[in-house]
C-alpha atoms as a PDB file:
ATOM      1  CA  MET A   1      18.216   5.180 -17.169  1.00  0.00           C
ATOM      2  CA  HIS A   2      20.500   4.453 -19.346  1.00  0.00           C
ATOM      3  CA  ILE A   3      21.066   0.891 -20.567  1.00  0.00           C
ATOM      4  CA  HIS A   4      24.015  -0.581 -22.022  1.00  0.00           C
ATOM      5  CA  HIS A   5      24.068  -4.043 -23.759  1.00  0.00           C
ATOM      6  CA  LEU A   6      27.090  -6.085 -22.962  1.00  0.00           C
ATOM      7  CA  ASN A   7      28.662  -9.616 -24.515  1.00  0.00           C
ATOM      8  CA  CYS A   8      30.404 -10.581 -21.496  1.00  0.00           C
ATOM      9  CA  GLY A   9      31.590 -14.055 -22.817  1.00  0.00           C
ATOM     10  CA  CYS A  10      31.551 -16.256 -26.251  1.00  0.00           C
ATOM     11  CA  MET A  11      30.983 -19.978 -26.621  1.00  0.00           C
ATOM     12  CA  CYS A  12      31.743 -21.754 -29.984  1.00  0.00           C
ATOM     13  CA  PRO A  13      29.953 -25.282 -29.484  1.00  0.00           C
ATOM     14  CA  ILE A  14      31.085 -27.691 -32.495  1.00  0.00           C
ATOM     15  CA  GLY A  15      27.611 -27.785 -34.286  1.00  0.00           C
ATOM     16  CA  GLY A  16      27.365 -24.529 -36.128  1.00  0.00           C
ATOM     17  CA  ALA A  17      24.330 -23.602 -37.313  1.00  0.00           C
ATOM     18  CA  LEU A  18      22.421 -26.784 -35.644  1.00  0.00           C
ATOM     19  CA  PHE A  19      23.068 -24.667 -32.504  1.00  0.00           C
ATOM     20  CA  ASP A  20      22.602 -21.490 -33.560  1.00  0.00           C
ATOM     21  CA  GLY A  21      20.844 -21.205 -36.699  1.00  0.00           C
ATOM     22  CA  PHE A  22      23.325 -19.356 -38.658  1.00  0.00           C
ATOM     23  CA  SER A  23      27.319 -19.863 -38.704  1.00  0.00           C
ATOM     24  CA  ARG A  24      28.202 -21.687 -42.258  1.00  0.00           C
ATOM     25  CA  GLY A  25      31.637 -23.343 -40.285  1.00  0.00           C
ATOM     26  CA  LEU A  26      31.822 -26.342 -37.515  1.00  0.00           C
ATOM     27  CA  ALA A  27      31.958 -23.519 -34.704  1.00  0.00           C
ATOM     28  CA  ALA A  28      28.405 -21.851 -33.606  1.00  0.00           C
ATOM     29  CA  HIS A  29      28.561 -18.646 -31.617  1.00  0.00           C
ATOM     30  CA  LEU A  30      26.703 -17.665 -28.551  1.00  0.00           C
ATOM     31  CA  VAL A  31      26.975 -14.768 -26.693  1.00  0.00           C
ATOM     32  CA  CYS A  32      26.414 -13.757 -22.826  1.00  0.00           C
ATOM     33  CA  HIS A  33      24.382 -11.206 -23.178  1.00  0.00           C
ATOM     34  CA  CYS A  34      24.654  -8.891 -20.019  1.00  0.00           C
ATOM     35  CA  LEU A  35      22.650  -5.184 -18.806  1.00  0.00           C
ATOM     36  CA  LEU A  36      24.382  -2.473 -17.700  1.00  0.00           C
ATOM     37  CA  ILE A  37      22.162   0.157 -16.156  1.00  0.00           C
ATOM     38  CA  GLU A  38      22.809   3.741 -15.635  1.00  0.00           C
ATOM     39  CA  THR A  39      20.815   4.939 -12.401  1.00  0.00           C
ATOM     40  CA  GLU A  40      20.510   7.559  -9.619  1.00  0.00           C
ATOM     41  CA  GLN A  41      21.617   4.946  -7.144  1.00  0.00           C
ATOM     42  CA  GLY A  42      25.057   4.209  -9.220  1.00  0.00           C
ATOM     43  CA  LEU A  43      25.640   0.812 -11.965  1.00  0.00           C
ATOM     44  CA  VAL A  44      23.755  -1.875 -12.224  1.00  0.00           C
ATOM     45  CA  LEU A  45      24.840  -4.998 -13.796  1.00  0.00           C
ATOM     46  CA  ILE A  46      22.204  -7.742 -15.013  1.00  0.00           C
ATOM     47  CA  ASP A  47      24.397 -10.796 -14.606  1.00  0.00           C
ATOM     48  CA  THR A  48      28.281 -11.072 -15.459  1.00  0.00           C
ATOM     49  CA  GLY A  49      28.587 -13.464 -17.689  1.00  0.00           C
ATOM     50  CA  PHE A  50      32.997 -14.835 -17.022  1.00  0.00           C
ATOM     51  CA  GLY A  51      35.182 -12.918 -14.917  1.00  0.00           C
ATOM     52  CA  GLN A  52      38.770 -11.862 -15.070  1.00  0.00           C
ATOM     53  CA  ARG A  53      39.409 -14.888 -12.645  1.00  0.00           C
ATOM     54  CA  ASP A  54      37.878 -17.362 -15.408  1.00  0.00           C
ATOM     55  CA  ILE A  55      40.002 -15.869 -18.002  1.00  0.00           C
ATOM     56  CA  GLN A  56      42.840 -16.317 -15.766  1.00  0.00           C
ATOM     57  CA  ALA A  57      42.839 -19.597 -14.390  1.00  0.00           C
ATOM     58  CA  PRO A  58      39.939 -21.828 -15.965  1.00  0.00           C
ATOM     59  CA  SER A  59      40.926 -25.123 -15.118  1.00  0.00           C
ATOM     60  CA  SER A  60      40.445 -24.079 -11.505  1.00  0.00           C
ATOM     61  CA  ARG A  61      37.454 -21.990 -11.906  1.00  0.00           C
ATOM     62  CA  LEU A  62      35.366 -24.324 -13.894  1.00  0.00           C
ATOM     63  CA  SER A  63      34.008 -27.080 -15.256  1.00  0.00           C
ATOM     64  CA  GLN A  64      36.513 -29.485 -17.909  1.00  0.00           C
ATOM     65  CA  PHE A  65      32.825 -30.456 -19.065  1.00  0.00           C
ATOM     66  CA  PHE A  66      31.797 -27.156 -19.667  1.00  0.00           C
ATOM     67  CA  ILE A  67      34.734 -25.908 -21.296  1.00  0.00           C
ATOM     68  CA  TYR A  68      35.474 -28.040 -23.587  1.00  0.00           C
ATOM     69  CA  PHE A  69      31.796 -28.943 -24.126  1.00  0.00           C
ATOM     70  CA  ASN A  70      30.770 -24.905 -24.778  1.00  0.00           C
ATOM     71  CA  ASN A  71      34.129 -24.540 -26.103  1.00  0.00           C
ATOM     72  CA  ILE A  72      34.573 -21.471 -24.078  1.00  0.00           C
ATOM     73  CA  GLN A  73      36.985 -18.653 -25.873  1.00  0.00           C
ATOM     74  CA  PHE A  74      38.859 -16.833 -22.577  1.00  0.00           C
ATOM     75  CA  ASP A  75      39.394 -13.692 -23.580  1.00  0.00           C
ATOM     76  CA  GLN A  76      39.809 -10.466 -21.588  1.00  0.00           C
ATOM     77  CA  LYS A  77      38.050  -7.881 -23.774  1.00  0.00           C
ATOM     78  CA  TYR A  78      34.932 -10.138 -23.315  1.00  0.00           C
ATOM     79  CA  THR A  79      34.413  -9.599 -19.166  1.00  0.00           C
ATOM     80  CA  ALA A  80      31.927  -7.139 -17.983  1.00  0.00           C
ATOM     81  CA  LEU A  81      35.213  -4.474 -15.829  1.00  0.00           C
ATOM     82  CA  ALA A  82      36.793  -4.093 -19.085  1.00  0.00           C
ATOM     83  CA  GLN A  83      34.113  -2.919 -20.528  1.00  0.00           C
ATOM     84  CA  ILE A  84      33.110  -1.060 -17.833  1.00  0.00           C
ATOM     85  CA  GLU A  85      36.533   0.285 -17.989  1.00  0.00           C
ATOM     86  CA  GLN A  86      36.377   0.963 -21.429  1.00  0.00           C
ATOM     87  CA  LEU A  87      32.861   3.177 -20.698  1.00  0.00           C
ATOM     88  CA  GLY A  88      35.301   5.419 -18.359  1.00  0.00           C
ATOM     89  CA  TYR A  89      33.911   3.376 -14.998  1.00  0.00           C
ATOM     90  CA  SER A  90      35.487   1.362 -12.464  1.00  0.00           C
ATOM     91  CA  LYS A  91      35.041  -1.587 -10.823  1.00  0.00           C
ATOM     92  CA  ARG A  92      33.724   0.535  -7.539  1.00  0.00           C
ATOM     93  CA  ASP A  93      31.051   2.120  -9.831  1.00  0.00           C
ATOM     94  CA  VAL A  94      28.732  -0.829 -10.103  1.00  0.00           C
ATOM     95  CA  ARG A  95      26.562  -0.875  -6.643  1.00  0.00           C
ATOM     96  CA  HIS A  96      24.524  -3.829  -7.819  1.00  0.00           C
ATOM     97  CA  ILE A  97      24.353  -7.070  -9.617  1.00  0.00           C
ATOM     98  CA  VAL A  98      20.929  -8.736 -10.195  1.00  0.00           C
ATOM     99  CA  LEU A  99      21.670 -12.246 -11.456  1.00  0.00           C
ATOM    100  CA  THR A 100      18.836 -14.136 -13.660  1.00  0.00           C
ATOM    101  CA  HIS A 101      20.478 -17.428 -11.703  1.00  0.00           C
ATOM    102  CA  LEU A 102      24.157 -18.996 -10.692  1.00  0.00           C
ATOM    103  CA  ASP A 103      25.199 -20.805 -13.332  1.00  0.00           C
ATOM    104  CA  PHE A 104      29.040 -20.773 -14.127  1.00  0.00           C
ATOM    105  CA  ASP A 105      28.794 -17.945 -17.339  1.00  0.00           C
ATOM    106  CA  HIS A 106      26.135 -15.759 -15.491  1.00  0.00           C
ATOM    107  CA  ALA A 107      27.813 -15.319 -11.984  1.00  0.00           C
ATOM    108  CA  GLY A 108      31.379 -15.337 -13.070  1.00  0.00           C
ATOM    109  CA  GLY A 109      32.301 -12.167 -12.506  1.00  0.00           C
ATOM    110  CA  LEU A 110      30.609 -11.230  -8.939  1.00  0.00           C
ATOM    111  CA  GLU A 111      34.379 -11.122  -7.628  1.00  0.00           C
ATOM    112  CA  ASP A 112      35.599  -8.080 -10.060  1.00  0.00           C
ATOM    113  CA  PHE A 113      32.997  -5.686  -8.399  1.00  0.00           C
ATOM    114  CA  PRO A 114      33.750  -6.202  -4.464  1.00  0.00           C
ATOM    115  CA  GLU A 115      31.522  -3.212  -3.714  1.00  0.00           C
ATOM    116  CA  ALA A 116      28.640  -4.816  -5.199  1.00  0.00           C
ATOM    117  CA  THR A 117      25.229  -6.000  -3.544  1.00  0.00           C
ATOM    118  CA  VAL A 118      24.355  -9.662  -5.181  1.00  0.00           C
ATOM    119  CA  HIS A 119      20.569  -9.745  -5.764  1.00  0.00           C
ATOM    120  CA  VAL A 120      19.182 -13.458  -5.959  1.00  0.00           C
ATOM    121  CA  MET A 121      16.217 -15.779  -5.739  1.00  0.00           C
ATOM    122  CA  GLN A 122      16.510 -17.413  -2.196  1.00  0.00           C
ATOM    123  CA  THR A 123      16.105 -21.135  -3.612  1.00  0.00           C
ATOM    124  CA  GLU A 124      18.873 -20.355  -6.680  1.00  0.00           C
ATOM    125  CA  MET A 125      21.441 -19.980  -3.472  1.00  0.00           C
ATOM    126  CA  GLU A 126      19.914 -23.192  -1.641  1.00  0.00           C
ATOM    127  CA  ALA A 127      20.271 -25.186  -5.191  1.00  0.00           C
ATOM    128  CA  ALA A 128      23.555 -23.801  -5.931  1.00  0.00           C
ATOM    129  CA  GLN A 129      25.164 -24.822  -2.500  1.00  0.00           C
ATOM    130  CA  GLN A 130      23.568 -28.783  -2.224  1.00  0.00           C
ATOM    131  CA  ARG A 131      24.984 -28.987  -5.969  1.00  0.00           C
ATOM    132  CA  ARG A 132      23.538 -32.402  -6.650  1.00  0.00           C
ATOM    133  CA  GLY A 133      23.964 -34.659  -9.563  1.00  0.00           C
ATOM    134  CA  PHE A 134      26.274 -34.889 -12.296  1.00  0.00           C
ATOM    135  CA  ILE A 135      25.422 -31.437 -13.798  1.00  0.00           C
ATOM    136  CA  GLN A 136      24.481 -29.284 -10.660  1.00  0.00           C
ATOM    137  CA  SER A 137      28.082 -30.083  -9.166  1.00  0.00           C
ATOM    138  CA  ARG A 138      29.829 -28.657 -12.847  1.00  0.00           C
ATOM    139  CA  ARG A 139      27.110 -25.596 -13.334  1.00  0.00           C
ATOM    140  CA  TYR A 140      27.542 -24.444  -9.978  1.00  0.00           C
ATOM    141  CA  ARG A 141      31.282 -22.606  -9.317  1.00  0.00           C
ATOM    142  CA  GLN A 142      31.074 -21.761  -5.774  1.00  0.00           C
ATOM    143  CA  SER A 143      34.767 -20.391  -5.901  1.00  0.00           C
ATOM    144  CA  GLN A 144      33.253 -17.802  -8.440  1.00  0.00           C
ATOM    145  CA  TRP A 145      31.069 -16.065  -5.681  1.00  0.00           C
ATOM    146  CA  ASP A 146      32.364 -17.036  -1.943  1.00  0.00           C
ATOM    147  CA  GLU A 147      34.075 -14.096  -1.919  1.00  0.00           C
ATOM    148  CA  VAL A 148      30.817 -11.865  -2.282  1.00  0.00           C
ATOM    149  CA  LYS A 149      30.287  -9.487   0.987  1.00  0.00           C
ATOM    150  CA  ARG A 150      27.048  -8.617   0.051  1.00  0.00           C
ATOM    151  CA  TRP A 151      24.138 -10.450  -0.837  1.00  0.00           C
ATOM    152  CA  LYS A 152      20.049  -9.994  -0.714  1.00  0.00           C
ATOM    153  CA  PHE A 153      17.696 -12.930  -1.459  1.00  0.00           C
ATOM    154  CA  TYR A 154      14.198 -12.789  -2.335  1.00  0.00           C
ATOM    155  CA  GLU A 155      11.403 -14.992  -2.159  1.00  0.00           C
ATOM    156  CA  ALA A 156       9.228 -15.715  -5.718  1.00  0.00           C
ATOM    157  CA  GLY A 157       5.762 -13.969  -5.291  1.00  0.00           C
ATOM    158  CA  GLY A 158       4.502 -10.392  -5.170  1.00  0.00           C
ATOM    159  CA  GLU A 159       2.424  -8.323  -6.841  1.00  0.00           C
ATOM    160  CA  PRO A 160       1.339  -9.461 -10.858  1.00  0.00           C
ATOM    161  CA  TRP A 161       3.531  -8.748 -14.208  1.00  0.00           C
ATOM    162  CA  PHE A 162       1.424  -9.239 -16.617  1.00  0.00           C
ATOM    163  CA  ASN A 163       0.941 -13.061 -16.262  1.00  0.00           C
ATOM    164  CA  PHE A 164       3.831 -13.199 -14.042  1.00  0.00           C
ATOM    165  CA  LYS A 165       4.168 -12.975 -10.327  1.00  0.00           C
ATOM    166  CA  ALA A 166       6.709 -10.393  -9.675  1.00  0.00           C
ATOM    167  CA  VAL A 167       9.537  -9.600  -7.132  1.00  0.00           C
ATOM    168  CA  ARG A 168       9.262  -5.523  -6.576  1.00  0.00           C
ATOM    169  CA  ASN A 169      10.764  -3.192  -4.169  1.00  0.00           C
ATOM    170  CA  LEU A 170      14.621  -4.717  -4.532  1.00  0.00           C
ATOM    171  CA  LYS A 171      16.466  -3.608  -1.672  1.00  0.00           C
ATOM    172  CA  GLY A 172      18.505   0.089  -3.069  1.00  0.00           C
ATOM    173  CA  LEU A 173      17.441  -0.508  -6.706  1.00  0.00           C
ATOM    174  CA  PRO A 174      15.121   1.940  -8.446  1.00  0.00           C
ATOM    175  CA  PRO A 175      10.974   0.360  -8.704  1.00  0.00           C
ATOM    176  CA  GLU A 176      11.528   0.363 -12.625  1.00  0.00           C
ATOM    177  CA  ILE A 177      14.256  -3.323 -12.275  1.00  0.00           C
ATOM    178  CA  LEU A 178      11.861  -6.271 -11.152  1.00  0.00           C
ATOM    179  CA  LEU A 179      12.748  -9.960 -10.688  1.00  0.00           C
ATOM    180  CA  ILE A 180      10.415 -12.251 -12.423  1.00  0.00           C
ATOM    181  CA  PRO A 181      11.094 -15.869 -11.424  1.00  0.00           C
ATOM    182  CA  LEU A 182      11.118 -18.369 -14.229  1.00  0.00           C
ATOM    183  CA  ALA A 183      11.903 -21.722 -12.555  1.00  0.00           C
ATOM    184  CA  GLY A 184      12.616 -24.530 -14.641  1.00  0.00           C
ATOM    185  CA  HIS A 185      16.146 -24.389 -16.272  1.00  0.00           C
ATOM    186  CA  THR A 186      17.006 -23.992 -12.332  1.00  0.00           C
ATOM    187  CA  GLN A 187      15.056 -24.288  -9.240  1.00  0.00           C
ATOM    188  CA  GLY A 188      15.574 -19.950  -8.563  1.00  0.00           C
ATOM    189  CA  HIS A 189      16.027 -18.753 -12.351  1.00  0.00           C
ATOM    190  CA  ALA A 190      14.368 -15.570 -12.778  1.00  0.00           C
ATOM    191  CA  GLY A 191      14.192 -13.231 -15.679  1.00  0.00           C
ATOM    192  CA  ILE A 192      15.036  -9.367 -15.000  1.00  0.00           C
ATOM    193  CA  ALA A 193      12.189  -6.636 -16.165  1.00  0.00           C
ATOM    194  CA  ILE A 194      13.209  -2.978 -16.324  1.00  0.00           C
ATOM    195  CA  GLN A 195      10.399  -0.426 -17.294  1.00  0.00           C
ATOM    196  CA  THR A 196      12.022   2.367 -19.800  1.00  0.00           C
ATOM    197  CA  SER A 197      10.527   5.472 -21.178  1.00  0.00           C
ATOM    198  CA  GLN A 198       9.434   2.860 -24.171  1.00  0.00           C
ATOM    199  CA  GLY A 199       8.381   0.780 -22.539  1.00  0.00           C
ATOM    200  CA  TRP A 200       9.015  -2.723 -20.879  1.00  0.00           C
ATOM    201  CA  LEU A 201      12.783  -4.596 -21.217  1.00  0.00           C
ATOM    202  CA  LEU A 202      12.879  -8.362 -20.165  1.00  0.00           C
ATOM    203  CA  HIS A 203      15.906 -10.313 -20.198  1.00  0.00           C
ATOM    204  CA  ALA A 204      14.635 -13.725 -19.928  1.00  0.00           C
ATOM    205  CA  GLY A 205      18.200 -15.563 -18.701  1.00  0.00           C
ATOM    206  CA  ASP A 206      17.936 -19.253 -20.265  1.00  0.00           C
ATOM    207  CA  ALA A 207      14.472 -19.630 -20.011  1.00  0.00           C
ATOM    208  CA  TYR A 208      14.677 -19.933 -23.432  1.00  0.00           C
ATOM    209  CA  PHE A 209      18.119 -20.287 -25.849  1.00  0.00           C
ATOM    210  CA  TYR A 210      16.553 -18.989 -29.307  1.00  0.00           C
ATOM    211  CA  ARG A 211      15.129 -16.326 -30.899  1.00  0.00           C
ATOM    212  CA  HIS A 212      12.235 -18.405 -32.554  1.00  0.00           C
ATOM    213  CA  GLU A 213      11.032 -19.628 -29.476  1.00  0.00           C
ATOM    214  CA  ILE A 214       9.212 -16.720 -28.526  1.00  0.00           C
ATOM    215  CA  GLY A 215       7.133 -14.417 -30.960  1.00  0.00           C
ATOM    216  CA  PHE A 216       6.196 -17.317 -32.980  1.00  0.00           C
ATOM    217  CA  ALA A 217       2.838 -19.250 -32.330  1.00  0.00           C
ATOM    218  CA  GLN A 218       4.676 -22.500 -32.486  1.00  0.00           C
ATOM    219  CA  ARG A 219       7.919 -22.717 -30.958  1.00  0.00           C
ATOM    220  CA  ARG A 220      10.770 -23.461 -33.276  1.00  0.00           C
ATOM    221  CA  CYS A 221      14.468 -24.434 -32.093  1.00  0.00           C
ATOM    222  CA  THR A 222      17.410 -25.564 -33.425  1.00  0.00           C
ATOM    223  CA  PRO A 223      18.566 -29.301 -32.606  1.00  0.00           C
ATOM    224  CA  ARG A 224      21.537 -28.841 -30.866  1.00  0.00           C
ATOM    225  CA  LEU A 225      20.142 -25.676 -28.237  1.00  0.00           C
ATOM    226  CA  ARG A 226      17.007 -27.946 -27.835  1.00  0.00           C
ATOM    227  CA  ALA A 227      18.986 -30.767 -26.083  1.00  0.00           C
ATOM    228  CA  TYR A 228      21.205 -28.521 -24.336  1.00  0.00           C
ATOM    229  CA  GLN A 229      18.025 -27.432 -22.777  1.00  0.00           C
ATOM    230  CA  TRP A 230      16.997 -30.216 -21.792  1.00  0.00           C
ATOM    231  CA  MET A 231      20.393 -31.339 -20.140  1.00  0.00           C
ATOM    232  CA  MET A 232      20.434 -28.468 -18.142  1.00  0.00           C
ATOM    233  CA  GLU A 233      16.846 -28.667 -16.955  1.00  0.00           C
ATOM    234  CA  VAL A 234      15.794 -29.365 -13.146  1.00  0.00           C
ATOM    235  CA  ASP A 235      12.076 -28.973 -13.778  1.00  0.00           C
ATOM    236  CA  ARG A 236      10.705 -29.825 -17.510  1.00  0.00           C
ATOM    237  CA  LYS A 237       7.335 -29.015 -16.639  1.00  0.00           C
ATOM    238  CA  ALA A 238       7.818 -25.449 -15.152  1.00  0.00           C
ATOM    239  CA  ARG A 239      10.221 -24.761 -17.756  1.00  0.00           C
ATOM    240  CA  LEU A 240       8.195 -25.415 -20.626  1.00  0.00           C
ATOM    241  CA  ASP A 241       5.028 -23.846 -19.086  1.00  0.00           C
ATOM    242  CA  ASN A 242       7.027 -20.753 -18.250  1.00  0.00           C
ATOM    243  CA  GLN A 243       8.430 -20.648 -21.796  1.00  0.00           C
ATOM    244  CA  GLN A 244       4.940 -20.806 -23.063  1.00  0.00           C
ATOM    245  CA  LYS A 245       3.872 -17.534 -20.925  1.00  0.00           C
ATOM    246  CA  LEU A 246       6.698 -16.022 -22.551  1.00  0.00           C
ATOM    247  CA  ARG A 247       5.761 -16.763 -25.495  1.00  0.00           C
ATOM    248  CA  ALA A 248       2.112 -15.816 -25.253  1.00  0.00           C
ATOM    249  CA  LEU A 249       3.570 -12.563 -23.594  1.00  0.00           C
ATOM    250  CA  SER A 250       5.698 -11.941 -26.625  1.00  0.00           C
ATOM    251  CA  LEU A 251       2.317 -12.104 -28.888  1.00  0.00           C
ATOM    252  CA  ALA A 252      -0.289 -10.365 -27.254  1.00  0.00           C
ATOM    253  CA  HIS A 253       2.589  -7.348 -25.831  1.00  0.00           C
ATOM    254  CA  SER A 254       5.047  -7.056 -28.874  1.00  0.00           C
ATOM    255  CA  THR A 255       4.599  -3.240 -28.569  1.00  0.00           C
ATOM    256  CA  ASP A 256       5.030  -3.101 -24.755  1.00  0.00           C
ATOM    257  CA  VAL A 257       7.470  -5.598 -23.779  1.00  0.00           C
ATOM    258  CA  ARG A 258      10.846  -6.697 -25.190  1.00  0.00           C
ATOM    259  CA  LEU A 259      12.122  -9.858 -25.004  1.00  0.00           C
ATOM    260  CA  PHE A 260      15.768 -11.038 -25.044  1.00  0.00           C
ATOM    261  CA  CYS A 261      17.482 -14.552 -23.654  1.00  0.00           C
ATOM    262  CA  SER A 262      21.341 -14.701 -22.851  1.00  0.00           C
ATOM    263  CA  HIS A 263      22.578 -16.378 -25.514  1.00  0.00           C
ATOM    264  CA  ASP A 264      20.860 -15.598 -28.770  1.00  0.00           C
ATOM    265  CA  ALA A 265      23.744 -13.840 -31.103  1.00  0.00           C
ATOM    266  CA  ILE A 266      21.198 -12.482 -33.136  1.00  0.00           C
ATOM    267  CA  GLU A 267      19.294 -11.143 -30.516  1.00  0.00           C
ATOM    268  CA  PHE A 268      22.084  -9.455 -29.053  1.00  0.00           C
ATOM    269  CA  LYS A 269      23.811  -7.742 -32.209  1.00  0.00           C
ATOM    270  CA  ILE A 270      20.342  -6.150 -32.983  1.00  0.00           C
ATOM    271  CA  LEU A 271      20.031  -4.969 -29.743  1.00  0.00           C
ATOM    272  CA  LYS A 272      24.001  -3.677 -29.538  1.00  0.00           C
ATOM    273  CA  GLU A 273      23.374  -2.135 -32.473  1.00  0.00           C
ATOM    274  CA  GLN A 274      20.567   0.077 -30.975  1.00  0.00           C
ATOM    275  CA  ASP A 275      22.920   0.635 -28.275  1.00  0.00           C
ATOM    276  CA  ASN A 276      25.510   2.000 -30.407  1.00  0.00           C
ATOM    277  CA  SER A 277      23.384   4.051 -32.276  1.00  0.00           C
ATOM    278  CA  GLN A 278      22.270   5.753 -29.005  1.00  0.00           C
ATOM    279  CA  LEU A 279      18.777   5.063 -29.486  1.00  0.00           C
ATOM    280  CA  HIS A 280      17.980   3.201 -26.641  1.00  0.00           C
ATOM    281  CA  LYS A 281      14.379   3.053 -26.923  1.00  0.00           C
ATOM    282  CA  HIS A 282      13.895  -1.163 -26.847  1.00  0.00           C
ATOM    283  CA  ASP A 283      11.462  -0.723 -29.484  1.00  0.00           C
ATOM    284  CA  LEU A 284      12.141  -2.912 -32.578  1.00  0.00           C
ATOM    285  CA  PRO A 285      10.135  -5.815 -33.656  1.00  0.00           C
ATOM    286  CA  PHE A 286      10.794  -8.824 -32.792  1.00  0.00           C
ATOM    287  CA  VAL A 287      13.766 -10.749 -34.532  1.00  0.00           C
ATOM    288  CA  ASN A 288      12.509 -13.408 -37.327  1.00  0.00           C
END
């Protein structure tokens, strides 16, 4: 398998380093870290970030609250489709999309890939359809996925993967790709584990937001991202428990598993540079 790291969204919330830990100006810099995997079954996309229609008509697709709160930068170059075409592929080459969850910044590009089968946890779709409360009604945007024709839903549980339950044998996908239920941020939130020749790569989605939350015995997080996680969580106990389990995994298996989350720009930069250098070994140490 060949893995590409894509940034499929740019968000610049006001707060600078209070969000991302490095920006010197007023605006922070958050990414939407997605993966494009070349497999014998065709291209597999892990999350989509924002889509072409989000860029063309954001006000009709996205919540005004999140557009302004996250200071979303709408630029075609960030869409998965634009980056996939730049690699020489077409939208129809994407045969499968595996989602960490259905939030607006993770599922916006689903309809850009009409031939794809979309894989997601059953509880996530149920939560997205109910959309109860201020945040839930704004985070889930049915217009982003109401034209999807092929869905595959999964229940939590299954064989263990390290200290986590794992959903294996995703329909139509190679056995090296697993869903790892990580509820808390949303009811059906999941990580995506990919077995490579150099070990495991775990896309942890929004199970954590900041690079210092894993890889260290004590969690450290910027104040604005700490508050954002609190605002977006649906189950605090589950979120913190799963985050602690990820932290333990990162410490006990640092040579076996490389973790990253969806929005940390430093994590993305390191893995993207590795992608560009064509090493694709996924054996870098954790970011400090």
